[in-house]
N, C-alpha and C. Protein backbone atom coordinates (compact mmCIF):
# COMPACT_ATOMS: atom_id res chain seq x y z
N MET A 1 115.08 64.88 59.02
CA MET A 1 114.47 65.95 58.22
C MET A 1 113.18 66.44 58.87
N ALA A 2 112.29 65.49 59.19
CA ALA A 2 111.03 65.87 59.81
C ALA A 2 111.26 66.44 61.21
N ARG A 3 112.21 65.84 61.94
CA ARG A 3 112.51 66.33 63.29
C ARG A 3 113.07 67.74 63.24
N LYS A 4 113.92 68.03 62.27
CA LYS A 4 114.48 69.38 62.15
C LYS A 4 113.40 70.39 61.78
N LEU A 5 112.46 69.97 60.92
CA LEU A 5 111.37 70.86 60.54
C LEU A 5 110.49 71.20 61.74
N VAL A 6 110.19 70.19 62.55
CA VAL A 6 109.36 70.43 63.74
C VAL A 6 110.10 71.34 64.72
N ALA A 7 111.41 71.10 64.90
CA ALA A 7 112.19 71.94 65.81
C ALA A 7 112.23 73.39 65.32
N ASP A 8 112.37 73.58 64.02
CA ASP A 8 112.39 74.94 63.47
C ASP A 8 111.05 75.64 63.72
N LEU A 9 109.96 74.87 63.63
CA LEU A 9 108.64 75.48 63.86
C LEU A 9 108.46 75.84 65.34
N LEU A 10 108.83 74.92 66.23
CA LEU A 10 108.58 75.14 67.66
C LEU A 10 109.47 76.24 68.22
N TYR A 11 110.69 76.39 67.67
CA TYR A 11 111.60 77.43 68.18
C TYR A 11 111.49 78.73 67.39
N TRP A 12 110.51 78.86 66.52
CA TRP A 12 110.24 80.10 65.79
C TRP A 12 111.47 80.59 65.03
N ARG A 13 112.20 79.65 64.38
CA ARG A 13 113.37 80.06 63.61
C ARG A 13 112.95 80.72 62.29
N ASP A 14 111.79 80.37 61.78
CA ASP A 14 111.21 81.04 60.62
C ASP A 14 109.87 81.60 61.08
N VAL A 15 109.88 82.86 61.50
CA VAL A 15 108.71 83.45 62.16
C VAL A 15 107.46 83.44 61.27
N PRO A 16 107.53 83.85 60.00
CA PRO A 16 106.30 83.81 59.18
C PRO A 16 105.72 82.40 59.04
N LYS A 17 106.58 81.41 58.79
CA LYS A 17 106.08 80.04 58.63
C LYS A 17 105.49 79.52 59.94
N THR A 18 106.19 79.74 61.05
CA THR A 18 105.68 79.27 62.34
C THR A 18 104.38 79.97 62.70
N GLY A 19 104.30 81.28 62.45
CA GLY A 19 103.06 82.00 62.73
C GLY A 19 101.89 81.48 61.91
N LEU A 20 102.16 81.15 60.65
CA LEU A 20 101.09 80.61 59.80
C LEU A 20 100.62 79.25 60.29
N VAL A 21 101.58 78.37 60.63
CA VAL A 21 101.22 77.03 61.11
C VAL A 21 100.50 77.12 62.45
N PHE A 22 101.00 77.95 63.36
CA PHE A 22 100.40 78.08 64.68
C PHE A 22 98.98 78.63 64.59
N THR A 23 98.80 79.67 63.79
CA THR A 23 97.47 80.26 63.64
C THR A 23 96.50 79.27 63.00
N GLY A 24 96.98 78.56 61.98
CA GLY A 24 96.12 77.58 61.32
C GLY A 24 95.68 76.47 62.25
N LEU A 25 96.61 75.98 63.07
CA LEU A 25 96.26 74.91 64.02
C LEU A 25 95.24 75.38 65.04
N VAL A 26 95.48 76.55 65.63
CA VAL A 26 94.58 77.04 66.67
C VAL A 26 93.20 77.35 66.09
N VAL A 27 93.16 78.01 64.95
CA VAL A 27 91.86 78.33 64.34
C VAL A 27 91.14 77.05 63.92
N GLY A 28 91.87 76.10 63.34
CA GLY A 28 91.24 74.86 62.92
C GLY A 28 90.68 74.07 64.09
N LEU A 29 91.43 74.00 65.19
CA LEU A 29 90.94 73.29 66.37
C LEU A 29 89.77 74.04 67.01
N ALA A 30 89.81 75.37 67.00
CA ALA A 30 88.71 76.14 67.57
C ALA A 30 87.43 75.95 66.76
N CYS A 31 87.58 75.76 65.45
CA CYS A 31 86.39 75.53 64.61
C CYS A 31 85.69 74.21 64.95
N LEU A 32 86.44 73.27 65.52
CA LEU A 32 85.84 71.98 65.88
C LEU A 32 84.83 72.10 67.01
N PHE A 33 84.86 73.24 67.74
CA PHE A 33 83.84 73.45 68.76
C PHE A 33 82.46 73.62 68.14
N GLN A 34 82.39 74.18 66.93
CA GLN A 34 81.12 74.46 66.30
C GLN A 34 80.82 73.53 65.11
N LEU A 35 81.84 73.01 64.47
CA LEU A 35 81.67 72.20 63.27
C LEU A 35 82.26 70.82 63.49
N SER A 36 81.86 69.89 62.65
CA SER A 36 82.43 68.54 62.72
C SER A 36 83.81 68.52 62.07
N ALA A 37 84.56 67.47 62.35
CA ALA A 37 85.90 67.36 61.78
C ALA A 37 85.85 67.27 60.26
N ILE A 38 84.84 66.59 59.72
CA ILE A 38 84.71 66.48 58.26
C ILE A 38 84.48 67.85 57.64
N SER A 39 83.64 68.67 58.26
CA SER A 39 83.37 70.01 57.73
C SER A 39 84.62 70.88 57.78
N VAL A 40 85.36 70.78 58.88
CA VAL A 40 86.57 71.59 59.00
C VAL A 40 87.60 71.19 57.96
N LEU A 41 87.82 69.89 57.78
CA LEU A 41 88.80 69.43 56.79
C LEU A 41 88.36 69.78 55.38
N SER A 42 87.07 69.65 55.09
CA SER A 42 86.58 69.98 53.75
C SER A 42 86.76 71.46 53.45
N ASN A 43 86.40 72.31 54.40
CA ASN A 43 86.56 73.75 54.19
C ASN A 43 88.02 74.15 54.12
N LEU A 44 88.87 73.46 54.87
CA LEU A 44 90.30 73.74 54.78
C LEU A 44 90.83 73.39 53.39
N GLY A 45 90.41 72.23 52.88
CA GLY A 45 90.83 71.85 51.53
C GLY A 45 90.34 72.82 50.48
N LEU A 46 89.08 73.27 50.62
CA LEU A 46 88.54 74.24 49.66
C LEU A 46 89.28 75.57 49.73
N SER A 47 89.66 75.98 50.95
CA SER A 47 90.39 77.24 51.09
C SER A 47 91.75 77.16 50.40
N ILE A 48 92.43 76.03 50.55
CA ILE A 48 93.73 75.87 49.88
C ILE A 48 93.56 75.87 48.37
N MET A 49 92.55 75.14 47.89
CA MET A 49 92.31 75.08 46.44
C MET A 49 91.87 76.42 45.88
N ALA A 50 91.17 77.21 46.69
CA ALA A 50 90.75 78.54 46.23
C ALA A 50 91.94 79.46 46.02
N PHE A 51 93.07 79.14 46.64
CA PHE A 51 94.28 79.93 46.41
C PHE A 51 95.15 79.33 45.32
N THR A 52 95.36 78.02 45.37
CA THR A 52 96.32 77.40 44.43
C THR A 52 95.79 77.36 43.00
N LEU A 53 94.50 77.09 42.82
CA LEU A 53 93.96 76.99 41.45
C LEU A 53 94.02 78.31 40.70
N PRO A 54 93.56 79.44 41.27
CA PRO A 54 93.70 80.71 40.53
C PRO A 54 95.15 81.07 40.22
N VAL A 55 96.06 80.79 41.18
CA VAL A 55 97.47 81.10 40.93
C VAL A 55 98.00 80.25 39.78
N ARG A 56 97.63 78.97 39.75
CA ARG A 56 98.09 78.10 38.66
C ARG A 56 97.52 78.55 37.32
N LEU A 57 96.24 78.93 37.30
CA LEU A 57 95.64 79.41 36.05
C LEU A 57 96.25 80.73 35.61
N LEU A 58 96.60 81.58 36.57
CA LEU A 58 97.23 82.86 36.24
C LEU A 58 98.59 82.63 35.58
N TYR A 59 99.39 81.74 36.16
CA TYR A 59 100.69 81.44 35.56
C TYR A 59 100.53 80.79 34.18
N LYS A 60 99.48 79.98 34.02
CA LYS A 60 99.24 79.35 32.72
C LYS A 60 98.89 80.40 31.68
N ALA A 61 98.05 81.37 32.07
CA ALA A 61 97.68 82.44 31.14
C ALA A 61 98.89 83.31 30.80
N MET A 62 99.76 83.56 31.78
CA MET A 62 100.96 84.36 31.51
C MET A 62 101.90 83.62 30.57
N THR A 63 101.91 82.29 30.64
CA THR A 63 102.74 81.53 29.71
C THR A 63 102.20 81.61 28.29
N VAL A 64 100.85 81.62 28.17
CA VAL A 64 100.24 81.68 26.83
C VAL A 64 100.57 83.00 26.14
N VAL A 65 100.55 84.10 26.90
CA VAL A 65 100.82 85.41 26.30
C VAL A 65 102.31 85.77 26.38
N HIS A 66 103.14 84.75 26.70
CA HIS A 66 104.59 84.91 26.72
C HIS A 66 105.05 85.93 27.76
N LEU A 67 104.34 86.00 28.87
CA LEU A 67 104.78 86.85 29.97
C LEU A 67 105.51 86.04 31.05
N SER A 68 105.58 84.75 30.84
CA SER A 68 106.25 83.88 31.80
C SER A 68 106.93 82.76 31.05
N ASP A 69 107.92 82.14 31.69
CA ASP A 69 108.65 81.06 31.03
C ASP A 69 108.00 79.70 31.24
N GLY A 70 106.79 79.68 31.76
CA GLY A 70 106.07 78.42 31.94
C GLY A 70 106.43 77.67 33.20
N GLU A 71 107.13 78.31 34.11
CA GLU A 71 107.50 77.62 35.34
C GLU A 71 106.28 77.44 36.23
N HIS A 72 106.21 76.26 36.83
CA HIS A 72 105.09 75.95 37.72
C HIS A 72 105.26 76.74 39.03
N PRO A 73 104.21 77.45 39.51
CA PRO A 73 104.38 78.27 40.72
C PRO A 73 104.64 77.46 41.98
N PHE A 74 104.24 76.21 41.97
CA PHE A 74 104.40 75.37 43.16
C PHE A 74 105.35 74.20 42.90
N GLN A 75 106.29 74.41 41.97
CA GLN A 75 107.19 73.32 41.61
C GLN A 75 108.09 72.91 42.77
N SER A 76 108.46 73.85 43.61
CA SER A 76 109.33 73.51 44.75
C SER A 76 108.63 72.55 45.70
N TYR A 77 107.31 72.73 45.88
CA TYR A 77 106.57 71.81 46.74
C TYR A 77 106.40 70.45 46.07
N LEU A 78 106.22 70.45 44.76
CA LEU A 78 106.05 69.19 44.05
C LEU A 78 107.35 68.39 44.01
N ASP A 79 108.49 69.08 44.04
CA ASP A 79 109.78 68.38 43.97
C ASP A 79 110.23 67.81 45.30
N GLU A 80 109.58 68.21 46.37
CA GLU A 80 109.97 67.68 47.68
C GLU A 80 109.69 66.18 47.74
N ASP A 81 110.69 65.45 48.19
CA ASP A 81 110.57 63.99 48.28
C ASP A 81 109.93 63.63 49.62
N SER A 82 108.68 63.21 49.56
CA SER A 82 107.95 62.84 50.78
C SER A 82 107.80 61.34 50.94
N THR A 83 108.45 60.58 50.07
CA THR A 83 108.33 59.12 50.14
C THR A 83 109.26 58.56 51.22
N LEU A 84 108.93 57.39 51.70
CA LEU A 84 109.73 56.69 52.70
C LEU A 84 110.40 55.49 52.07
N THR A 85 111.69 55.36 52.31
CA THR A 85 112.38 54.17 51.83
C THR A 85 112.03 52.98 52.73
N ASP A 86 112.47 51.80 52.31
CA ASP A 86 112.19 50.60 53.11
C ASP A 86 112.84 50.72 54.50
N GLU A 87 114.06 51.26 54.54
CA GLU A 87 114.73 51.41 55.83
C GLU A 87 114.00 52.41 56.72
N ASP A 88 113.53 53.51 56.13
CA ASP A 88 112.79 54.49 56.92
C ASP A 88 111.49 53.91 57.44
N THR A 89 110.80 53.13 56.60
CA THR A 89 109.54 52.52 57.03
C THR A 89 109.78 51.55 58.18
N VAL A 90 110.80 50.71 58.06
CA VAL A 90 111.11 49.75 59.13
C VAL A 90 111.47 50.49 60.41
N ARG A 91 112.23 51.58 60.28
CA ARG A 91 112.65 52.34 61.46
C ARG A 91 111.44 52.97 62.15
N VAL A 92 110.52 53.52 61.36
CA VAL A 92 109.32 54.14 61.95
C VAL A 92 108.46 53.09 62.64
N VAL A 93 108.26 51.95 61.97
CA VAL A 93 107.44 50.88 62.57
C VAL A 93 108.08 50.36 63.85
N GLU A 94 109.40 50.21 63.86
CA GLU A 94 110.09 49.74 65.06
C GLU A 94 109.92 50.73 66.21
N LYS A 95 110.00 52.02 65.91
CA LYS A 95 109.81 53.01 66.95
C LYS A 95 108.40 52.98 67.51
N ILE A 96 107.40 52.81 66.63
CA ILE A 96 106.01 52.75 67.09
C ILE A 96 105.78 51.52 67.96
N VAL A 97 106.28 50.37 67.50
CA VAL A 97 106.12 49.13 68.27
C VAL A 97 106.82 49.24 69.62
N LEU A 98 108.04 49.81 69.63
CA LEU A 98 108.78 49.97 70.87
C LEU A 98 108.05 50.91 71.83
N LEU A 99 107.47 51.97 71.28
CA LEU A 99 106.73 52.91 72.12
C LEU A 99 105.50 52.24 72.74
N ILE A 100 104.76 51.46 71.94
CA ILE A 100 103.58 50.77 72.46
C ILE A 100 103.97 49.75 73.52
N ALA A 101 105.03 48.98 73.25
CA ALA A 101 105.47 47.97 74.22
C ALA A 101 105.92 48.63 75.53
N THR A 102 106.65 49.75 75.42
CA THR A 102 107.09 50.46 76.62
C THR A 102 105.91 51.00 77.41
N LEU A 103 104.90 51.52 76.69
CA LEU A 103 103.71 52.03 77.37
C LEU A 103 102.96 50.93 78.10
N ILE A 104 102.80 49.77 77.46
CA ILE A 104 102.10 48.66 78.10
C ILE A 104 102.86 48.17 79.33
N THR A 105 104.18 48.07 79.21
CA THR A 105 105.00 47.62 80.34
C THR A 105 104.90 48.60 81.51
N GLU A 106 104.93 49.89 81.21
CA GLU A 106 104.85 50.88 82.28
C GLU A 106 103.49 50.87 82.95
N LEU A 107 102.41 50.72 82.17
CA LEU A 107 101.07 50.66 82.76
C LEU A 107 100.91 49.42 83.63
N LYS A 108 101.44 48.29 83.19
CA LYS A 108 101.39 47.08 84.02
C LYS A 108 102.14 47.30 85.33
N ARG A 109 103.29 47.97 85.25
CA ARG A 109 104.08 48.21 86.45
C ARG A 109 103.35 49.12 87.43
N LEU A 110 102.59 50.10 86.88
CA LEU A 110 101.87 51.03 87.75
C LEU A 110 100.61 50.41 88.33
N PHE A 111 99.85 49.71 87.51
CA PHE A 111 98.58 49.16 87.97
C PHE A 111 98.77 47.99 88.95
N PHE A 112 99.81 47.23 88.77
CA PHE A 112 100.03 46.07 89.62
C PHE A 112 101.10 46.33 90.70
N ILE A 113 101.36 47.63 90.99
CA ILE A 113 102.13 48.08 92.15
C ILE A 113 103.51 47.42 92.18
N ASP A 114 104.26 47.62 91.12
CA ASP A 114 105.65 47.19 91.16
C ASP A 114 106.47 48.09 92.08
N SER A 115 106.16 49.39 92.06
CA SER A 115 106.80 50.35 92.96
C SER A 115 105.69 51.15 93.64
N VAL A 116 105.67 51.12 94.98
CA VAL A 116 104.61 51.80 95.72
C VAL A 116 104.64 53.31 95.46
N VAL A 117 105.83 53.88 95.43
CA VAL A 117 105.95 55.33 95.24
C VAL A 117 105.42 55.74 93.87
N ASP A 118 105.83 55.04 92.82
CA ASP A 118 105.37 55.38 91.47
C ASP A 118 103.87 55.18 91.34
N SER A 119 103.34 54.13 91.93
CA SER A 119 101.90 53.88 91.84
C SER A 119 101.10 54.94 92.59
N VAL A 120 101.62 55.41 93.74
CA VAL A 120 100.94 56.47 94.47
C VAL A 120 100.92 57.76 93.65
N LYS A 121 102.04 58.08 93.01
CA LYS A 121 102.07 59.28 92.15
C LYS A 121 101.11 59.12 90.97
N PHE A 122 101.00 57.92 90.43
CA PHE A 122 100.07 57.68 89.33
C PHE A 122 98.62 57.84 89.80
N ILE A 123 98.32 57.38 91.02
CA ILE A 123 96.97 57.55 91.56
C ILE A 123 96.64 59.03 91.73
N LEU A 124 97.59 59.80 92.24
CA LEU A 124 97.36 61.24 92.38
C LEU A 124 97.13 61.91 91.03
N LEU A 125 97.88 61.47 90.01
CA LEU A 125 97.69 62.03 88.67
C LEU A 125 96.29 61.71 88.14
N LEU A 126 95.85 60.46 88.30
CA LEU A 126 94.51 60.08 87.85
C LEU A 126 93.44 60.85 88.62
N TYR A 127 93.67 61.06 89.91
CA TYR A 127 92.69 61.80 90.71
C TYR A 127 92.58 63.25 90.24
N LEU A 128 93.72 63.87 89.92
CA LEU A 128 93.68 65.23 89.41
C LEU A 128 93.02 65.30 88.04
N LEU A 129 93.23 64.27 87.22
CA LEU A 129 92.62 64.26 85.90
C LEU A 129 91.09 64.16 85.96
N THR A 130 90.57 63.56 87.03
CA THR A 130 89.10 63.53 87.17
C THR A 130 88.54 64.94 87.31
N TYR A 131 89.24 65.81 88.03
CA TYR A 131 88.81 67.20 88.15
C TYR A 131 88.99 67.95 86.84
N VAL A 132 90.09 67.67 86.13
CA VAL A 132 90.31 68.30 84.83
C VAL A 132 89.20 67.91 83.86
N GLY A 133 88.80 66.63 83.88
CA GLY A 133 87.73 66.17 82.99
C GLY A 133 86.40 66.82 83.27
N VAL A 134 86.15 67.18 84.54
CA VAL A 134 84.89 67.85 84.88
C VAL A 134 84.88 69.28 84.36
N GLN A 135 86.03 69.95 84.43
CA GLN A 135 86.11 71.36 84.08
C GLN A 135 86.29 71.62 82.59
N THR A 136 86.82 70.66 81.84
CA THR A 136 87.13 70.90 80.43
C THR A 136 86.93 69.62 79.65
N ASN A 137 87.19 69.67 78.34
CA ASN A 137 87.07 68.49 77.49
C ASN A 137 88.38 68.26 76.74
N GLY A 138 88.42 67.18 75.98
CA GLY A 138 89.64 66.81 75.29
C GLY A 138 90.10 67.83 74.27
N LEU A 139 89.15 68.45 73.56
CA LEU A 139 89.52 69.42 72.53
C LEU A 139 90.19 70.65 73.14
N THR A 140 89.69 71.08 74.28
CA THR A 140 90.32 72.21 74.97
C THR A 140 91.75 71.87 75.38
N LEU A 141 91.95 70.63 75.84
CA LEU A 141 93.30 70.20 76.22
C LEU A 141 94.22 70.15 75.01
N VAL A 142 93.69 69.74 73.85
CA VAL A 142 94.51 69.70 72.65
C VAL A 142 94.93 71.11 72.24
N ILE A 143 93.99 72.05 72.29
CA ILE A 143 94.32 73.44 71.95
C ILE A 143 95.35 73.99 72.93
N SER A 144 95.16 73.69 74.21
CA SER A 144 96.14 74.15 75.21
C SER A 144 97.50 73.52 74.96
N GLY A 145 97.51 72.24 74.56
CA GLY A 145 98.78 71.59 74.25
C GLY A 145 99.48 72.22 73.07
N VAL A 146 98.72 72.59 72.04
CA VAL A 146 99.33 73.24 70.87
C VAL A 146 99.91 74.60 71.26
N ILE A 147 99.17 75.36 72.06
CA ILE A 147 99.66 76.67 72.49
C ILE A 147 100.94 76.52 73.32
N CYS A 148 100.93 75.53 74.22
CA CYS A 148 102.13 75.30 75.04
C CYS A 148 103.31 74.84 74.20
N ALA A 149 103.04 73.99 73.20
CA ALA A 149 104.12 73.47 72.35
C ALA A 149 104.81 74.58 71.58
N PHE A 150 104.06 75.62 71.20
CA PHE A 150 104.65 76.71 70.43
C PHE A 150 105.17 77.85 71.32
N SER A 151 104.73 77.91 72.58
CA SER A 151 105.13 79.03 73.43
C SER A 151 106.22 78.65 74.43
N LEU A 152 106.18 77.42 74.98
CA LEU A 152 107.15 77.05 76.01
C LEU A 152 108.58 76.99 75.48
N PRO A 153 108.86 76.38 74.30
CA PRO A 153 110.25 76.41 73.81
C PRO A 153 110.80 77.81 73.62
N LEU A 154 109.95 78.72 73.12
CA LEU A 154 110.41 80.10 72.94
C LEU A 154 110.66 80.76 74.29
N ALA A 155 109.78 80.52 75.26
CA ALA A 155 109.98 81.08 76.59
C ALA A 155 111.22 80.51 77.25
N TYR A 156 111.48 79.21 77.03
CA TYR A 156 112.69 78.61 77.61
C TYR A 156 113.96 79.21 76.99
N ARG A 157 113.92 79.45 75.70
CA ARG A 157 115.10 80.03 75.06
C ARG A 157 115.36 81.44 75.56
N LEU A 158 114.31 82.19 75.87
CA LEU A 158 114.49 83.56 76.33
C LEU A 158 114.83 83.64 77.81
N GLN A 159 114.34 82.68 78.61
CA GLN A 159 114.55 82.70 80.06
C GLN A 159 115.20 81.39 80.52
N ARG A 160 116.22 80.95 79.82
CA ARG A 160 116.79 79.62 80.09
C ARG A 160 117.38 79.52 81.49
N GLU A 161 118.15 80.50 81.91
CA GLU A 161 118.83 80.40 83.20
C GLU A 161 117.83 80.37 84.35
N ARG A 162 116.83 81.23 84.31
CA ARG A 162 115.84 81.26 85.39
C ARG A 162 115.03 79.97 85.42
N ILE A 163 114.64 79.46 84.26
CA ILE A 163 113.86 78.23 84.21
C ILE A 163 114.68 77.04 84.68
N ASP A 164 115.98 77.01 84.34
CA ASP A 164 116.83 75.92 84.81
C ASP A 164 116.93 75.91 86.34
N ASN A 165 117.00 77.07 86.94
CA ASN A 165 117.05 77.14 88.40
C ASN A 165 115.75 76.63 89.02
N ILE A 166 114.63 76.97 88.40
CA ILE A 166 113.34 76.50 88.92
C ILE A 166 113.23 74.99 88.78
N ILE A 167 113.69 74.45 87.64
CA ILE A 167 113.62 73.00 87.42
C ILE A 167 114.50 72.27 88.44
N LYS A 168 115.69 72.81 88.72
CA LYS A 168 116.56 72.19 89.71
C LYS A 168 115.91 72.18 91.09
N ALA A 169 115.25 73.28 91.45
CA ALA A 169 114.59 73.34 92.76
C ALA A 169 113.44 72.33 92.85
N VAL A 170 112.68 72.21 91.76
CA VAL A 170 111.56 71.25 91.75
C VAL A 170 112.08 69.82 91.83
N LYS A 171 113.16 69.52 91.09
CA LYS A 171 113.74 68.17 91.15
C LYS A 171 114.25 67.85 92.55
N LEU A 172 114.88 68.82 93.21
CA LEU A 172 115.37 68.60 94.57
C LEU A 172 114.21 68.34 95.52
N LEU A 173 113.11 69.10 95.36
CA LEU A 173 111.94 68.90 96.20
C LEU A 173 111.33 67.52 95.97
N MET A 174 111.22 67.11 94.70
CA MET A 174 110.66 65.79 94.40
C MET A 174 111.54 64.68 94.95
N THR A 175 112.86 64.87 94.90
CA THR A 175 113.76 63.86 95.46
C THR A 175 113.58 63.72 96.96
N ARG A 176 113.44 64.84 97.65
CA ARG A 176 113.24 64.78 99.10
C ARG A 176 111.89 64.15 99.45
N VAL A 177 110.85 64.50 98.71
CA VAL A 177 109.53 63.90 98.97
C VAL A 177 109.58 62.40 98.72
N THR A 178 110.24 61.99 97.64
CA THR A 178 110.36 60.56 97.35
C THR A 178 111.10 59.83 98.45
N GLU A 179 112.17 60.44 98.96
CA GLU A 179 112.92 59.82 100.06
C GLU A 179 112.06 59.68 101.31
N ILE A 180 111.24 60.70 101.59
CA ILE A 180 110.38 60.63 102.77
C ILE A 180 109.34 59.52 102.61
N VAL A 181 108.73 59.44 101.42
CA VAL A 181 107.73 58.40 101.18
C VAL A 181 108.35 57.01 101.28
N GLU A 182 109.53 56.84 100.70
CA GLU A 182 110.20 55.54 100.79
C GLU A 182 110.54 55.19 102.22
N LEU A 183 110.93 56.20 103.03
CA LEU A 183 111.23 55.94 104.44
C LEU A 183 109.98 55.51 105.19
N VAL A 184 108.86 56.20 104.92
CA VAL A 184 107.60 55.83 105.58
C VAL A 184 107.18 54.42 105.19
N VAL A 185 107.32 54.09 103.91
CA VAL A 185 106.95 52.75 103.44
C VAL A 185 107.84 51.70 104.08
N SER A 186 109.13 51.97 104.19
CA SER A 186 110.03 50.99 104.79
C SER A 186 109.74 50.81 106.28
N LEU A 187 109.32 51.89 106.98
CA LEU A 187 108.98 51.76 108.40
C LEU A 187 107.66 51.03 108.59
N ALA A 188 106.74 51.16 107.61
CA ALA A 188 105.45 50.51 107.74
C ALA A 188 105.51 49.02 107.45
N LYS A 189 106.57 48.57 106.80
CA LYS A 189 106.68 47.14 106.50
C LYS A 189 106.96 46.37 107.78
N PRO A 190 106.33 45.20 107.93
CA PRO A 190 106.61 44.39 109.13
C PRO A 190 108.03 43.87 109.07
N PRO A 191 108.67 43.75 110.25
CA PRO A 191 110.05 43.23 110.24
C PRO A 191 110.07 41.79 109.80
N PRO A 192 111.13 41.38 109.15
CA PRO A 192 111.20 39.99 108.69
C PRO A 192 111.25 39.04 109.88
N ALA A 193 110.56 37.91 109.71
CA ALA A 193 110.52 36.92 110.79
C ALA A 193 111.91 36.35 111.02
N SER A 194 112.27 36.27 112.33
CA SER A 194 113.60 35.75 112.65
C SER A 194 113.64 34.25 112.43
N ALA A 195 114.73 33.78 111.95
CA ALA A 195 114.88 32.35 111.68
C ALA A 195 114.99 31.59 113.00
N PRO A 196 114.36 30.42 113.10
CA PRO A 196 114.44 29.64 114.35
C PRO A 196 115.87 29.23 114.65
N ALA A 197 116.17 29.23 115.95
CA ALA A 197 117.53 28.87 116.36
C ALA A 197 117.78 27.40 116.07
N PRO A 198 118.93 27.10 115.56
CA PRO A 198 119.20 25.68 115.26
C PRO A 198 119.27 24.85 116.54
N SER A 199 118.72 23.65 116.46
CA SER A 199 118.73 22.76 117.61
C SER A 199 120.15 22.26 117.84
N PRO A 200 120.52 22.09 119.14
CA PRO A 200 121.90 21.64 119.42
C PRO A 200 122.14 20.24 118.89
N ALA A 201 123.32 20.03 118.42
CA ALA A 201 123.66 18.70 117.89
C ALA A 201 123.73 17.70 119.03
N PRO A 202 123.23 16.49 118.81
CA PRO A 202 123.25 15.48 119.87
C PRO A 202 124.69 15.11 120.22
N THR A 203 124.89 14.94 121.53
CA THR A 203 126.23 14.57 122.01
C THR A 203 126.46 13.09 121.79
N PRO A 204 127.50 12.73 121.10
CA PRO A 204 127.72 11.29 120.86
C PRO A 204 128.07 10.58 122.16
N LYS A 205 127.44 9.42 122.32
CA LYS A 205 127.68 8.62 123.52
C LYS A 205 128.81 7.66 123.26
N LEU A 206 129.71 7.58 124.23
CA LEU A 206 130.85 6.65 124.11
C LEU A 206 130.48 5.31 124.70
N LYS A 207 130.68 4.32 123.95
CA LYS A 207 130.40 2.97 124.41
C LYS A 207 131.64 2.39 125.08
N LEU A 208 131.43 1.86 126.29
CA LEU A 208 132.54 1.26 127.00
C LEU A 208 132.73 -0.18 126.56
N LYS A 209 133.93 -0.52 126.21
CA LYS A 209 134.23 -1.88 125.76
C LYS A 209 134.37 -2.77 126.99
N ALA A 210 133.74 -3.89 126.94
CA ALA A 210 133.82 -4.87 128.05
C ALA A 210 135.17 -5.53 128.03
N LYS A 211 135.79 -5.59 129.21
CA LYS A 211 137.09 -6.25 129.30
C LYS A 211 136.90 -7.74 129.48
């Protein structure tokens, strides 16, 4: 259910809803440049209440003067089941634990050089991130991530064939580079020490029997 809702938002299947969510996220994150997170969340809550409370009071007044049947204006939102069953809770916790364990295992493999090629690529990534950290901050990256999350799926859907060709070319290039690096690493390794030749077996001496 949640996965389908996220997919509908990212692929702009409901344009008004996606536009509202996208605009709210970008504006809210941009406000964090000038205000604290507590101030942004408080003002967001007040803005929602400034809309919902008058609407609820209006419907209540219309019910009093018999202009409405007393239906709650936000009953559809109140009826949505947002609770998690025991199975759902266990499934979510298992996924989180598995994700953390996988992340720790992968970091150990990279930091302690289980694969030279993967560790070299990880070093290059960390080196590039040092330049990114100098030029920008985490909040800017989060805003950029939100914009990419809402724009890239739509762009892929509109230009799928061209993007697939580009991805195939990049994968082929990465495969060739990886093969070259592995070849260089294998040539740089010292050859294995040759095993010492076995010593010849002693020749048995025949004893002559005295007549």
